[in-house]
Amino acid sequence: MHLYPIDGAVHRMGKGDTAWNCRDATWSMVIAGIDPDPKMKGAVTQWTKAYWDAAHPFDLGGAYPNFMMDDEGDTRLKATYGENYGRLAAVKKRYDPANLFRVNQNIRPAP
């Protein structure tokens, strides 16, 4: 598990100044489950998700998008962007209405 401090300029900006609004966070965590043996994938994935489940009740609900897994879904992504999500969805609708850029943590176009 990697633990990164979040400080400095991050806390000098407002939640609406950039897309990412987790300005109250003081730490960011990355859990990496890695094993050179492909046969260990299931066990490593299970361990990694159990670690996350144990730590998750203590987080702020959002995340740093580049640290998120691609299967976390809209709830966590919306928590990450908070009140900025609607603005980002409107921009997505204007510039990518067909949702061509939809890989990883996808902001869906506003209806």
PDB file of N, CA and C in Angstrom:
ATOM      1  N   MET A   1       0.852  -1.166   0.000  1.00  0.00           N
ATOM      2  CA  MET A   1       0.000   0.000   0.000  1.00  0.00           C
ATOM      3  C   MET A   1       0.896   1.226   0.000  1.00  0.00           C
ATOM      4  N   HIS A   2       0.574   2.157  -0.861  1.00  0.00           N
ATOM      5  CA  HIS A   2       1.312   3.416  -0.934  1.00  0.00           C
ATOM      6  C   HIS A   2       0.427   4.497  -0.322  1.00  0.00           C
ATOM      7  N   LEU A   3       1.011   5.343   0.467  1.00  0.00           N
ATOM      8  CA  LEU A   3       0.290   6.436   1.104  1.00  0.00           C
ATOM      9  C   LEU A   3       0.989   7.738   0.719  1.00  0.00           C
ATOM     10  N   TYR A   4       0.242   8.619   0.057  1.00  0.00           N
ATOM     11  CA  TYR A   4       0.796   9.870  -0.434  1.00  0.00           C
ATOM     12  C   TYR A   4       0.180  11.050   0.318  1.00  0.00           C
ATOM     13  N   PRO A   5       0.993  11.981   0.804  1.00  0.00           N
ATOM     14  CA  PRO A   5       0.418  13.168   1.448  1.00  0.00           C
ATOM     15  C   PRO A   5      -0.207  14.092   0.412  1.00  0.00           C
ATOM     16  N   ILE A   6      -1.307  14.685   0.796  1.00  0.00           N
ATOM     17  CA  ILE A   6      -1.957  15.695  -0.039  1.00  0.00           C
ATOM     18  C   ILE A   6      -1.873  16.994   0.747  1.00  0.00           C
ATOM     19  N   ASP A   7      -1.050  17.902   0.278  1.00  0.00           N
ATOM     20  CA  ASP A   7      -0.863  19.155   1.012  1.00  0.00           C
ATOM     21  C   ASP A   7      -0.466  20.272   0.052  1.00  0.00           C
ATOM     22  N   GLY A   8      -0.017  21.365   0.578  1.00  0.00           N
ATOM     23  CA  GLY A   8       0.459  22.473  -0.241  1.00  0.00           C
ATOM     24  C   GLY A   8      -0.628  23.119  -1.072  1.00  0.00           C
ATOM     25  N   ALA A   9      -0.364  23.248  -2.363  1.00  0.00           N
ATOM     26  CA  ALA A   9      -1.254  23.964  -3.281  1.00  0.00           C
ATOM     27  C   ALA A   9      -2.651  23.360  -3.344  1.00  0.00           C
ATOM     28  N   VAL A  10      -2.766  22.059  -3.112  1.00  0.00           N
ATOM     29  CA  VAL A  10      -4.077  21.412  -3.151  1.00  0.00           C
ATOM     30  C   VAL A  10      -5.048  22.092  -2.197  1.00  0.00           C
ATOM     31  N   HIS A  11      -4.567  22.478  -1.033  1.00  0.00           N
ATOM     32  CA  HIS A  11      -5.439  23.075  -0.022  1.00  0.00           C
ATOM     33  C   HIS A  11      -5.611  24.583  -0.192  1.00  0.00           C
ATOM     34  N   ARG A  12      -4.875  25.174  -1.098  1.00  0.00           N
ATOM     35  CA  ARG A  12      -5.008  26.618  -1.347  1.00  0.00           C
ATOM     36  C   ARG A  12      -6.010  26.917  -2.453  1.00  0.00           C
ATOM     37  N   MET A  13      -6.575  25.890  -3.065  1.00  0.00           N
ATOM     38  CA  MET A  13      -7.549  26.068  -4.141  1.00  0.00           C
ATOM     39  C   MET A  13      -8.933  25.688  -3.632  1.00  0.00           C
ATOM     40  N   GLY A  14      -9.933  26.308  -4.216  1.00  0.00           N
ATOM     41  CA  GLY A  14     -11.307  25.986  -3.850  1.00  0.00           C
ATOM     42  C   GLY A  14     -11.783  24.720  -4.534  1.00  0.00           C
ATOM     43  N   LYS A  15     -12.814  24.111  -3.986  1.00  0.00           N
ATOM     44  CA  LYS A  15     -13.346  22.873  -4.549  1.00  0.00           C
ATOM     45  C   LYS A  15     -13.846  23.037  -5.979  1.00  0.00           C
ATOM     46  N   GLY A  16     -14.264  24.228  -6.357  1.00  0.00           N
ATOM     47  CA  GLY A  16     -14.761  24.465  -7.705  1.00  0.00           C
ATOM     48  C   GLY A  16     -13.724  25.008  -8.670  1.00  0.00           C
ATOM     49  N   ASP A  17     -12.483  25.202  -8.206  1.00  0.00           N
ATOM     50  CA  ASP A  17     -11.447  25.781  -9.066  1.00  0.00           C
ATOM     51  C   ASP A  17     -10.937  24.807 -10.123  1.00  0.00           C
ATOM     52  N   THR A  18     -10.984  23.527  -9.847  1.00  0.00           N
ATOM     53  CA  THR A  18     -10.607  22.492 -10.811  1.00  0.00           C
ATOM     54  C   THR A  18     -11.657  21.395 -10.734  1.00  0.00           C
ATOM     55  N   ALA A  19     -11.562  20.423 -11.601  1.00  0.00           N
ATOM     56  CA  ALA A  19     -12.548  19.340 -11.602  1.00  0.00           C
ATOM     57  C   ALA A  19     -12.517  18.537 -10.300  1.00  0.00           C
ATOM     58  N   TRP A  20     -11.329  18.225  -9.821  1.00  0.00           N
ATOM     59  CA  TRP A  20     -11.173  17.409  -8.614  1.00  0.00           C
ATOM     60  C   TRP A  20     -11.498  18.265  -7.397  1.00  0.00           C
ATOM     61  N   ASN A  21     -12.385  17.797  -6.543  1.00  0.00           N
ATOM     62  CA  ASN A  21     -12.810  18.644  -5.422  1.00  0.00           C
ATOM     63  C   ASN A  21     -12.478  18.084  -4.045  1.00  0.00           C
ATOM     64  N   CYS A  22     -11.692  17.041  -3.958  1.00  0.00           N
ATOM     65  CA  CYS A  22     -11.368  16.424  -2.661  1.00  0.00           C
ATOM     66  C   CYS A  22     -10.300  17.239  -1.938  1.00  0.00           C
ATOM     67  N   ARG A  23     -10.563  18.502  -1.732  1.00  0.00           N
ATOM     68  CA  ARG A  23      -9.572  19.423  -1.166  1.00  0.00           C
ATOM     69  C   ARG A  23      -9.414  19.265   0.350  1.00  0.00           C
ATOM     70  N   ASP A  24     -10.305  18.524   0.981  1.00  0.00           N
ATOM     71  CA  ASP A  24     -10.205  18.291   2.420  1.00  0.00           C
ATOM     72  C   ASP A  24      -9.319  17.093   2.749  1.00  0.00           C
ATOM     73  N   ALA A  25      -8.959  16.315   1.745  1.00  0.00           N
ATOM     74  CA  ALA A  25      -8.147  15.119   1.978  1.00  0.00           C
ATOM     75  C   ALA A  25      -6.734  15.511   2.403  1.00  0.00           C
ATOM     76  N   THR A  26      -6.154  14.711   3.251  1.00  0.00           N
ATOM     77  CA  THR A  26      -4.766  14.934   3.663  1.00  0.00           C
ATOM     78  C   THR A  26      -3.852  13.788   3.232  1.00  0.00           C
ATOM     79  N   TRP A  27      -4.447  12.674   2.830  1.00  0.00           N
ATOM     80  CA  TRP A  27      -3.681  11.531   2.362  1.00  0.00           C
ATOM     81  C   TRP A  27      -4.412  10.863   1.203  1.00  0.00           C
ATOM     82  N   SER A  28      -3.664  10.257   0.304  1.00  0.00           N
ATOM     83  CA  SER A  28      -4.227   9.449  -0.772  1.00  0.00           C
ATOM     84  C   SER A  28      -3.564   8.079  -0.725  1.00  0.00           C
ATOM     85  N   MET A  29      -4.366   7.044  -0.848  1.00  0.00           N
ATOM     86  CA  MET A  29      -3.874   5.687  -0.706  1.00  0.00           C
ATOM     87  C   MET A  29      -4.008   4.926  -2.021  1.00  0.00           C
ATOM     88  N   VAL A  30      -3.005   4.141  -2.335  1.00  0.00           N
ATOM     89  CA  VAL A  30      -3.046   3.240  -3.482  1.00  0.00           C
ATOM     90  C   VAL A  30      -2.738   1.838  -2.972  1.00  0.00           C
ATOM     91  N   ILE A  31      -3.611   0.913  -3.289  1.00  0.00           N
ATOM     92  CA  ILE A  31      -3.384  -0.489  -2.919  1.00  0.00           C
ATOM     93  C   ILE A  31      -3.020  -1.217  -4.210  1.00  0.00           C
ATOM     94  N   ALA A  32      -1.864  -1.822  -4.245  1.00  0.00           N
ATOM     95  CA  ALA A  32      -1.404  -2.533  -5.441  1.00  0.00           C
ATOM     96  C   ALA A  32      -1.217  -4.003  -5.114  1.00  0.00           C
ATOM     97  N   GLY A  33      -1.997  -4.844  -5.753  1.00  0.00           N
ATOM     98  CA  GLY A  33      -1.865  -6.286  -5.584  1.00  0.00           C
ATOM     99  C   GLY A  33      -1.102  -6.848  -6.778  1.00  0.00           C
ATOM    100  N   ILE A  34       0.142  -7.251  -6.567  1.00  0.00           N
ATOM    101  CA  ILE A  34       1.005  -7.686  -7.667  1.00  0.00           C
ATOM    102  C   ILE A  34       1.692  -8.989  -7.282  1.00  0.00           C
ATOM    103  N   ASP A  35       1.719  -9.918  -8.220  1.00  0.00           N
ATOM    104  CA  ASP A  35       2.455 -11.159  -8.021  1.00  0.00           C
ATOM    105  C   ASP A  35       2.932 -11.623  -9.400  1.00  0.00           C
ATOM    106  N   PRO A  36       4.172 -12.078  -9.523  1.00  0.00           N
ATOM    107  CA  PRO A  36       4.670 -12.508 -10.835  1.00  0.00           C
ATOM    108  C   PRO A  36       4.024 -13.802 -11.339  1.00  0.00           C
ATOM    109  N   ASP A  37       3.375 -14.541 -10.460  1.00  0.00           N
ATOM    110  CA  ASP A  37       2.754 -15.801 -10.842  1.00  0.00           C
ATOM    111  C   ASP A  37       1.298 -15.571 -11.236  1.00  0.00           C
ATOM    112  N   PRO A  38       0.950 -15.749 -12.519  1.00  0.00           N
ATOM    113  CA  PRO A  38      -0.436 -15.530 -12.959  1.00  0.00           C
ATOM    114  C   PRO A  38      -1.459 -16.379 -12.201  1.00  0.00           C
ATOM    115  N   LYS A  39      -1.040 -17.511 -11.671  1.00  0.00           N
ATOM    116  CA  LYS A  39      -1.955 -18.374 -10.913  1.00  0.00           C
ATOM    117  C   LYS A  39      -2.410 -17.721  -9.619  1.00  0.00           C
ATOM    118  N   MET A  40      -1.698 -16.713  -9.176  1.00  0.00           N
ATOM    119  CA  MET A  40      -2.029 -16.020  -7.925  1.00  0.00           C
ATOM    120  C   MET A  40      -3.037 -14.886  -8.117  1.00  0.00           C
ATOM    121  N   LYS A  41      -3.448 -14.637  -9.355  1.00  0.00           N
ATOM    122  CA  LYS A  41      -4.320 -13.491  -9.637  1.00  0.00           C
ATOM    123  C   LYS A  41      -5.561 -13.464  -8.744  1.00  0.00           C
ATOM    124  N   GLY A  42      -6.258 -14.577  -8.634  1.00  0.00           N
ATOM    125  CA  GLY A  42      -7.480 -14.617  -7.829  1.00  0.00           C
ATOM    126  C   GLY A  42      -7.224 -14.289  -6.366  1.00  0.00           C
ATOM    127  N   ALA A  43      -6.200 -14.888  -5.799  1.00  0.00           N
ATOM    128  CA  ALA A  43      -5.879 -14.654  -4.384  1.00  0.00           C
ATOM    129  C   ALA A  43      -5.424 -13.221  -4.153  1.00  0.00           C
ATOM    130  N   VAL A  44      -4.625 -12.706  -5.069  1.00  0.00           N
ATOM    131  CA  VAL A  44      -4.132 -11.331  -4.922  1.00  0.00           C
ATOM    132  C   VAL A  44      -5.280 -10.337  -5.071  1.00  0.00           C
ATOM    133  N   THR A  45      -6.146 -10.579  -6.034  1.00  0.00           N
ATOM    134  CA  THR A  45      -7.313  -9.698  -6.219  1.00  0.00           C
ATOM    135  C   THR A  45      -8.205  -9.730  -4.984  1.00  0.00           C
ATOM    136  N   GLN A  46      -8.428 -10.904  -4.439  1.00  0.00           N
ATOM    137  CA  GLN A  46      -9.254 -11.039  -3.239  1.00  0.00           C
ATOM    138  C   GLN A  46      -8.623 -10.285  -2.059  1.00  0.00           C
ATOM    139  N   TRP A  47      -7.319 -10.446  -1.875  1.00  0.00           N
ATOM    140  CA  TRP A  47      -6.620  -9.751  -0.797  1.00  0.00           C
ATOM    141  C   TRP A  47      -6.718  -8.235  -0.970  1.00  0.00           C
ATOM    142  N   THR A  48      -6.505  -7.772  -2.196  1.00  0.00           N
ATOM    143  CA  THR A  48      -6.526  -6.340  -2.469  1.00  0.00           C
ATOM    144  C   THR A  48      -7.907  -5.747  -2.185  1.00  0.00           C
ATOM    145  N   LYS A  49      -8.951  -6.421  -2.632  1.00  0.00           N
ATOM    146  CA  LYS A  49     -10.310  -5.921  -2.406  1.00  0.00           C
ATOM    147  C   LYS A  49     -10.682  -5.980  -0.919  1.00  0.00           C
ATOM    148  N   ALA A  50     -10.204  -6.989  -0.208  1.00  0.00           N
ATOM    149  CA  ALA A  50     -10.469  -7.068   1.233  1.00  0.00           C
ATOM    150  C   ALA A  50      -9.771  -5.916   1.964  1.00  0.00           C
ATOM    151  N   TYR A  51      -8.569  -5.609   1.556  1.00  0.00           N
ATOM    152  CA  TYR A  51      -7.834  -4.480   2.143  1.00  0.00           C
ATOM    153  C   TYR A  51      -8.617  -3.192   1.917  1.00  0.00           C
ATOM    154  N   TRP A  52      -9.085  -3.000   0.690  1.00  0.00           N
ATOM    155  CA  TRP A  52      -9.871  -1.809   0.363  1.00  0.00           C
ATOM    156  C   TRP A  52     -11.145  -1.751   1.202  1.00  0.00           C
ATOM    157  N   ASP A  53     -11.850  -2.863   1.304  1.00  0.00           N
ATOM    158  CA  ASP A  53     -13.086  -2.898   2.087  1.00  0.00           C
ATOM    159  C   ASP A  53     -12.832  -2.514   3.547  1.00  0.00           C
ATOM    160  N   ALA A  54     -11.687  -2.924   4.087  1.00  0.00           N
ATOM    161  CA  ALA A  54     -11.356  -2.600   5.478  1.00  0.00           C
ATOM    162  C   ALA A  54     -11.016  -1.125   5.652  1.00  0.00           C
ATOM    163  N   ALA A  55     -10.380  -0.519   4.662  1.00  0.00           N
ATOM    164  CA  ALA A  55      -9.957   0.881   4.763  1.00  0.00           C
ATOM    165  C   ALA A  55     -11.050   1.871   4.340  1.00  0.00           C
ATOM    166  N   HIS A  56     -11.931   1.461   3.443  1.00  0.00           N
ATOM    167  CA  HIS A  56     -12.917   2.363   2.845  1.00  0.00           C
ATOM    168  C   HIS A  56     -13.817   3.114   3.837  1.00  0.00           C
ATOM    169  N   PRO A  57     -14.242   2.519   4.931  1.00  0.00           N
ATOM    170  CA  PRO A  57     -15.103   3.276   5.858  1.00  0.00           C
ATOM    171  C   PRO A  57     -14.438   4.535   6.430  1.00  0.00           C
ATOM    172  N   PHE A  58     -13.150   4.649   6.293  1.00  0.00           N
ATOM    173  CA  PHE A  58     -12.435   5.786   6.872  1.00  0.00           C
ATOM    174  C   PHE A  58     -12.052   6.852   5.854  1.00  0.00           C
ATOM    175  N   ASP A  59     -12.479   6.687   4.591  1.00  0.00           N
ATOM    176  CA  ASP A  59     -12.107   7.683   3.587  1.00  0.00           C
ATOM    177  C   ASP A  59     -13.195   8.742   3.427  1.00  0.00           C
ATOM    178  N   LEU A  60     -12.936   9.734   2.588  1.00  0.00           N
ATOM    179  CA  LEU A  60     -13.868  10.843   2.389  1.00  0.00           C
ATOM    180  C   LEU A  60     -14.895  10.571   1.296  1.00  0.00           C
ATOM    181  N   GLY A  61     -14.835   9.403   0.679  1.00  0.00           N
ATOM    182  CA  GLY A  61     -15.815   9.035  -0.339  1.00  0.00           C
ATOM    183  C   GLY A  61     -15.362   9.262  -1.757  1.00  0.00           C
ATOM    184  N   GLY A  62     -14.433  10.154  -1.980  1.00  0.00           N
ATOM    185  CA  GLY A  62     -13.929  10.408  -3.318  1.00  0.00           C
ATOM    186  C   GLY A  62     -12.591   9.731  -3.516  1.00  0.00           C
ATOM    187  N   ALA A  63     -11.918  10.115  -4.572  1.00  0.00           N
ATOM    188  CA  ALA A  63     -10.626   9.506  -4.876  1.00  0.00           C
ATOM    189  C   ALA A  63      -9.858  10.405  -5.827  1.00  0.00           C
ATOM    190  N   TYR A  64      -8.626  10.072  -6.057  1.00  0.00           N
ATOM    191  CA  TYR A  64      -7.866  10.702  -7.131  1.00  0.00           C
ATOM    192  C   TYR A  64      -8.089   9.818  -8.347  1.00  0.00           C
ATOM    193  N   PRO A  65      -8.696  10.328  -9.428  1.00  0.00           N
ATOM    194  CA  PRO A  65      -9.129   9.473 -10.540  1.00  0.00           C
ATOM    195  C   PRO A  65      -8.053   8.548 -11.111  1.00  0.00           C
ATOM    196  N   ASN A  66      -6.808   8.999 -11.175  1.00  0.00           N
ATOM    197  CA  ASN A  66      -5.772   8.131 -11.739  1.00  0.00           C
ATOM    198  C   ASN A  66      -5.450   6.950 -10.836  1.00  0.00           C
ATOM    199  N   PHE A  67      -5.901   6.979  -9.592  1.00  0.00           N
ATOM    200  CA  PHE A  67      -5.668   5.879  -8.668  1.00  0.00           C
ATOM    201  C   PHE A  67      -6.860   4.932  -8.605  1.00  0.00           C
ATOM    202  N   MET A  68      -7.946   5.258  -9.285  1.00  0.00           N
ATOM    203  CA  MET A  68      -9.153   4.444  -9.206  1.00  0.00           C
ATOM    204  C   MET A  68      -9.071   3.253 -10.152  1.00  0.00           C
ATOM    205  N   MET A  69      -9.735   2.166  -9.756  1.00  0.00           N
ATOM    206  CA  MET A  69      -9.866   1.020 -10.649  1.00  0.00           C
ATOM    207  C   MET A  69     -10.972   1.323 -11.643  1.00  0.00           C
ATOM    208  N   ASP A  70     -10.934   0.658 -12.772  1.00  0.00           N
ATOM    209  CA  ASP A  70     -11.922   0.951 -13.803  1.00  0.00           C
ATOM    210  C   ASP A  70     -13.292   0.352 -13.524  1.00  0.00           C
ATOM    211  N   ASP A  71     -13.448  -0.431 -12.479  1.00  0.00           N
ATOM    212  CA  ASP A  71     -14.743  -1.053 -12.199  1.00  0.00           C
ATOM    213  C   ASP A  71     -15.437  -0.460 -10.970  1.00  0.00           C
ATOM    214  N   GLU A  72     -15.069   0.760 -10.588  1.00  0.00           N
ATOM    215  CA  GLU A  72     -15.629   1.331  -9.359  1.00  0.00           C
ATOM    216  C   GLU A  72     -17.002   1.955  -9.557  1.00  0.00           C
ATOM    217  N   GLY A  73     -17.380   2.252 -10.788  1.00  0.00           N
ATOM    218  CA  GLY A  73     -18.720   2.740 -11.052  1.00  0.00           C
ATOM    219  C   GLY A  73     -18.922   4.229 -10.827  1.00  0.00           C
ATOM    220  N   ASP A  74     -20.142   4.680 -11.143  1.00  0.00           N
ATOM    221  CA  ASP A  74     -20.477   6.103 -11.118  1.00  0.00           C
ATOM    222  C   ASP A  74     -20.540   6.705  -9.722  1.00  0.00           C
ATOM    223  N   THR A  75     -20.937   5.939  -8.725  1.00  0.00           N
ATOM    224  CA  THR A  75     -21.114   6.499  -7.382  1.00  0.00           C
ATOM    225  C   THR A  75     -19.809   7.090  -6.863  1.00  0.00           C
ATOM    226  N   ARG A  76     -18.742   6.341  -6.951  1.00  0.00           N
ATOM    227  CA  ARG A  76     -17.442   6.814  -6.459  1.00  0.00           C
ATOM    228  C   ARG A  76     -16.910   7.948  -7.329  1.00  0.00           C
ATOM    229  N   LEU A  77     -17.115   7.859  -8.640  1.00  0.00           N
ATOM    230  CA  LEU A  77     -16.659   8.917  -9.537  1.00  0.00           C
ATOM    231  C   LEU A  77     -17.393  10.229  -9.239  1.00  0.00           C
ATOM    232  N   LYS A  78     -18.692  10.142  -9.011  1.00  0.00           N
ATOM    233  CA  LYS A  78     -19.461  11.343  -8.673  1.00  0.00           C
ATOM    234  C   LYS A  78     -19.020  11.911  -7.323  1.00  0.00           C
ATOM    235  N   ALA A  79     -18.679  11.047  -6.376  1.00  0.00           N
ATOM    236  CA  ALA A  79     -18.173  11.522  -5.091  1.00  0.00           C
ATOM    237  C   ALA A  79     -16.819  12.202  -5.261  1.00  0.00           C
ATOM    238  N   THR A  80     -16.029  11.713  -6.188  1.00  0.00           N
ATOM    239  CA  THR A  80     -14.710  12.295  -6.451  1.00  0.00           C
ATOM    240  C   THR A  80     -14.826  13.725  -6.957  1.00  0.00           C
ATOM    241  N   TYR A  81     -15.768  13.963  -7.856  1.00  0.00           N
ATOM    242  CA  TYR A  81     -15.927  15.301  -8.434  1.00  0.00           C
ATOM    243  C   TYR A  81     -16.940  16.159  -7.682  1.00  0.00           C
ATOM    244  N   GLY A  82     -17.742  15.536  -6.822  1.00  0.00           N
ATOM    245  CA  GLY A  82     -18.706  16.275  -6.009  1.00  0.00           C
ATOM    246  C   GLY A  82     -19.602  17.174  -6.842  1.00  0.00           C
ATOM    247  N   GLU A  83     -19.772  18.400  -6.385  1.00  0.00           N
ATOM    248  CA  GLU A  83     -20.655  19.339  -7.093  1.00  0.00           C
ATOM    249  C   GLU A  83     -20.107  19.740  -8.460  1.00  0.00           C
ATOM    250  N   ASN A  84     -18.889  19.389  -8.777  1.00  0.00           N
ATOM    251  CA  ASN A  84     -18.313  19.678 -10.097  1.00  0.00           C
ATOM    252  C   ASN A  84     -18.754  18.671 -11.154  1.00  0.00           C
ATOM    253  N   TYR A  85     -19.311  17.536 -10.746  1.00  0.00           N
ATOM    254  CA  TYR A  85     -19.660  16.492 -11.699  1.00  0.00           C
ATOM    255  C   TYR A  85     -20.669  16.985 -12.744  1.00  0.00           C
ATOM    256  N   GLY A  86     -21.678  17.695 -12.332  1.00  0.00           N
ATOM    257  CA  GLY A  86     -22.682  18.199 -13.279  1.00  0.00           C
ATOM    258  C   GLY A  86     -22.069  19.102 -14.333  1.00  0.00           C
ATOM    259  N   ARG A  87     -21.171  19.952 -13.915  1.00  0.00           N
ATOM    260  CA  ARG A  87     -20.479  20.850 -14.859  1.00  0.00           C
ATOM    261  C   ARG A  87     -19.632  20.036 -15.843  1.00  0.00           C
ATOM    262  N   LEU A  88     -18.942  19.004 -15.340  1.00  0.00           N
ATOM    263  CA  LEU A  88     -18.124  18.157 -16.212  1.00  0.00           C
ATOM    264  C   LEU A  88     -18.990  17.362 -17.188  1.00  0.00           C
ATOM    265  N   ALA A  89     -20.145  16.891 -16.729  1.00  0.00           N
ATOM    266  CA  ALA A  89     -21.055  16.154 -17.608  1.00  0.00           C
ATOM    267  C   ALA A  89     -21.589  17.063 -18.717  1.00  0.00           C
ATOM    268  N   ALA A  90     -21.833  18.336 -18.397  1.00  0.00           N
ATOM    269  CA  ALA A  90     -22.294  19.285 -19.414  1.00  0.00           C
ATOM    270  C   ALA A  90     -21.197  19.544 -20.460  1.00  0.00           C
ATOM    271  N   VAL A  91     -19.959  19.664 -20.007  1.00  0.00           N
ATOM    272  CA  VAL A  91     -18.837  19.838 -20.938  1.00  0.00           C
ATOM    273  C   VAL A  91     -18.692  18.592 -21.805  1.00  0.00           C
ATOM    274  N   LYS A  92     -18.828  17.430 -21.198  1.00  0.00           N
ATOM    275  CA  LYS A  92     -18.744  16.169 -21.941  1.00  0.00           C
ATOM    276  C   LYS A  92     -19.838  16.103 -22.999  1.00  0.00           C
ATOM    277  N   LYS A  93     -21.039  16.521 -22.658  1.00  0.00           N
ATOM    278  CA  LYS A  93     -22.149  16.512 -23.618  1.00  0.00           C
ATOM    279  C   LYS A  93     -21.852  17.423 -24.795  1.00  0.00           C
ATOM    280  N   ARG A  94     -21.233  18.557 -24.520  1.00  0.00           N
ATOM    281  CA  ARG A  94     -20.952  19.514 -25.591  1.00  0.00           C
ATOM    282  C   ARG A  94     -19.841  19.025 -26.522  1.00  0.00           C
ATOM    283  N   TYR A  95     -18.758  18.480 -25.953  1.00  0.00           N
ATOM    284  CA  TYR A  95     -17.592  18.144 -26.752  1.00  0.00           C
ATOM    285  C   TYR A  95     -17.466  16.662 -27.109  1.00  0.00           C
ATOM    286  N   ASP A  96     -18.196  15.798 -26.425  1.00  0.00           N
ATOM    287  CA  ASP A  96     -18.142  14.369 -26.707  1.00  0.00           C
ATOM    288  C   ASP A  96     -19.513  13.732 -26.488  1.00  0.00           C
ATOM    289  N   PRO A  97     -20.535  14.193 -27.228  1.00  0.00           N
ATOM    290  CA  PRO A  97     -21.893  13.694 -26.990  1.00  0.00           C
ATOM    291  C   PRO A  97     -22.053  12.198 -27.274  1.00  0.00           C
ATOM    292  N   ALA A  98     -21.207  11.644 -28.139  1.00  0.00           N
ATOM    293  CA  ALA A  98     -21.289  10.207 -28.437  1.00  0.00           C
ATOM    294  C   ALA A  98     -20.487   9.368 -27.449  1.00  0.00           C
ATOM    295  N   ASN A  99     -19.839  10.020 -26.483  1.00  0.00           N
ATOM    296  CA  ASN A  99     -19.063   9.346 -25.437  1.00  0.00           C
ATOM    297  C   ASN A  99     -17.928   8.493 -26.030  1.00  0.00           C
ATOM    298  N   LEU A 100     -17.247   9.047 -27.030  1.00  0.00           N
ATOM    299  CA  LEU A 100     -16.116   8.367 -27.652  1.00  0.00           C
ATOM    300  C   LEU A 100     -14.996   8.138 -26.639  1.00  0.00           C
ATOM    301  N   PHE A 101     -14.718   9.141 -25.819  1.00  0.00           N
ATOM    302  CA  PHE A 101     -13.674   9.031 -24.805  1.00  0.00           C
ATOM    303  C   PHE A 101     -14.293   8.479 -23.514  1.00  0.00           C
ATOM    304  N   ARG A 102     -14.417   7.170 -23.444  1.00  0.00           N
ATOM    305  CA  ARG A 102     -15.165   6.530 -22.365  1.00  0.00           C
ATOM    306  C   ARG A 102     -14.355   5.498 -21.587  1.00  0.00           C
ATOM    307  N   VAL A 103     -13.075   5.472 -21.761  1.00  0.00           N
ATOM    308  CA  VAL A 103     -12.236   4.483 -21.091  1.00  0.00           C
ATOM    309  C   VAL A 103     -11.898   4.965 -19.688  1.00  0.00           C
ATOM    310  N   ASN A 104     -11.659   4.037 -18.787  1.00  0.00           N
ATOM    311  CA  ASN A 104     -11.301   4.313 -17.388  1.00  0.00           C
ATOM    312  C   ASN A 104     -12.454   4.990 -16.657  1.00  0.00           C
ATOM    313  N   GLN A 105     -12.200   6.069 -15.969  1.00  0.00           N
ATOM    314  CA  GLN A 105     -13.216   6.711 -15.134  1.00  0.00           C
ATOM    315  C   GLN A 105     -14.041   7.668 -15.997  1.00  0.00           C
ATOM    316  N   ASN A 106     -15.088   7.136 -16.572  1.00  0.00           N
ATOM    317  CA  ASN A 106     -15.866   7.847 -17.569  1.00  0.00           C
ATOM    318  C   ASN A 106     -16.906   8.776 -16.958  1.00  0.00           C
ATOM    319  N   ILE A 107     -16.831  10.034 -17.353  1.00  0.00           N
ATOM    320  CA  ILE A 107     -17.891  10.992 -17.041  1.00  0.00           C
ATOM    321  C   ILE A 107     -18.868  10.900 -18.209  1.00  0.00           C
ATOM    322  N   ARG A 108     -20.079  10.520 -17.909  1.00  0.00           N
ATOM    323  CA  ARG A 108     -21.070  10.359 -18.980  1.00  0.00           C
ATOM    324  C   ARG A 108     -21.663  11.726 -19.339  1.00  0.00           C
ATOM    325  N   PRO A 109     -21.978  11.906 -20.626  1.00  0.00           N
ATOM    326  CA  PRO A 109     -22.591  13.180 -21.040  1.00  0.00           C
ATOM    327  C   PRO A 109     -23.906  13.425 -20.301  1.00  0.00           C
ATOM    328  N   ALA A 110     -24.161  14.672 -19.974  1.00  0.00           N
ATOM    329  CA  ALA A 110     -25.428  15.044 -19.323  1.00  0.00           C
ATOM    330  C   ALA A 110     -26.582  14.724 -20.279  1.00  0.00           C
ATOM    331  N   PRO A 111     -27.724  14.332 -19.726  1.00  0.00           N
ATOM    332  CA  PRO A 111     -28.881  14.029 -20.595  1.00  0.00           C
ATOM    333  C   PRO A 111     -29.391  15.263 -21.313  1.00  0.00           C
TER     334      PRO A 111
END
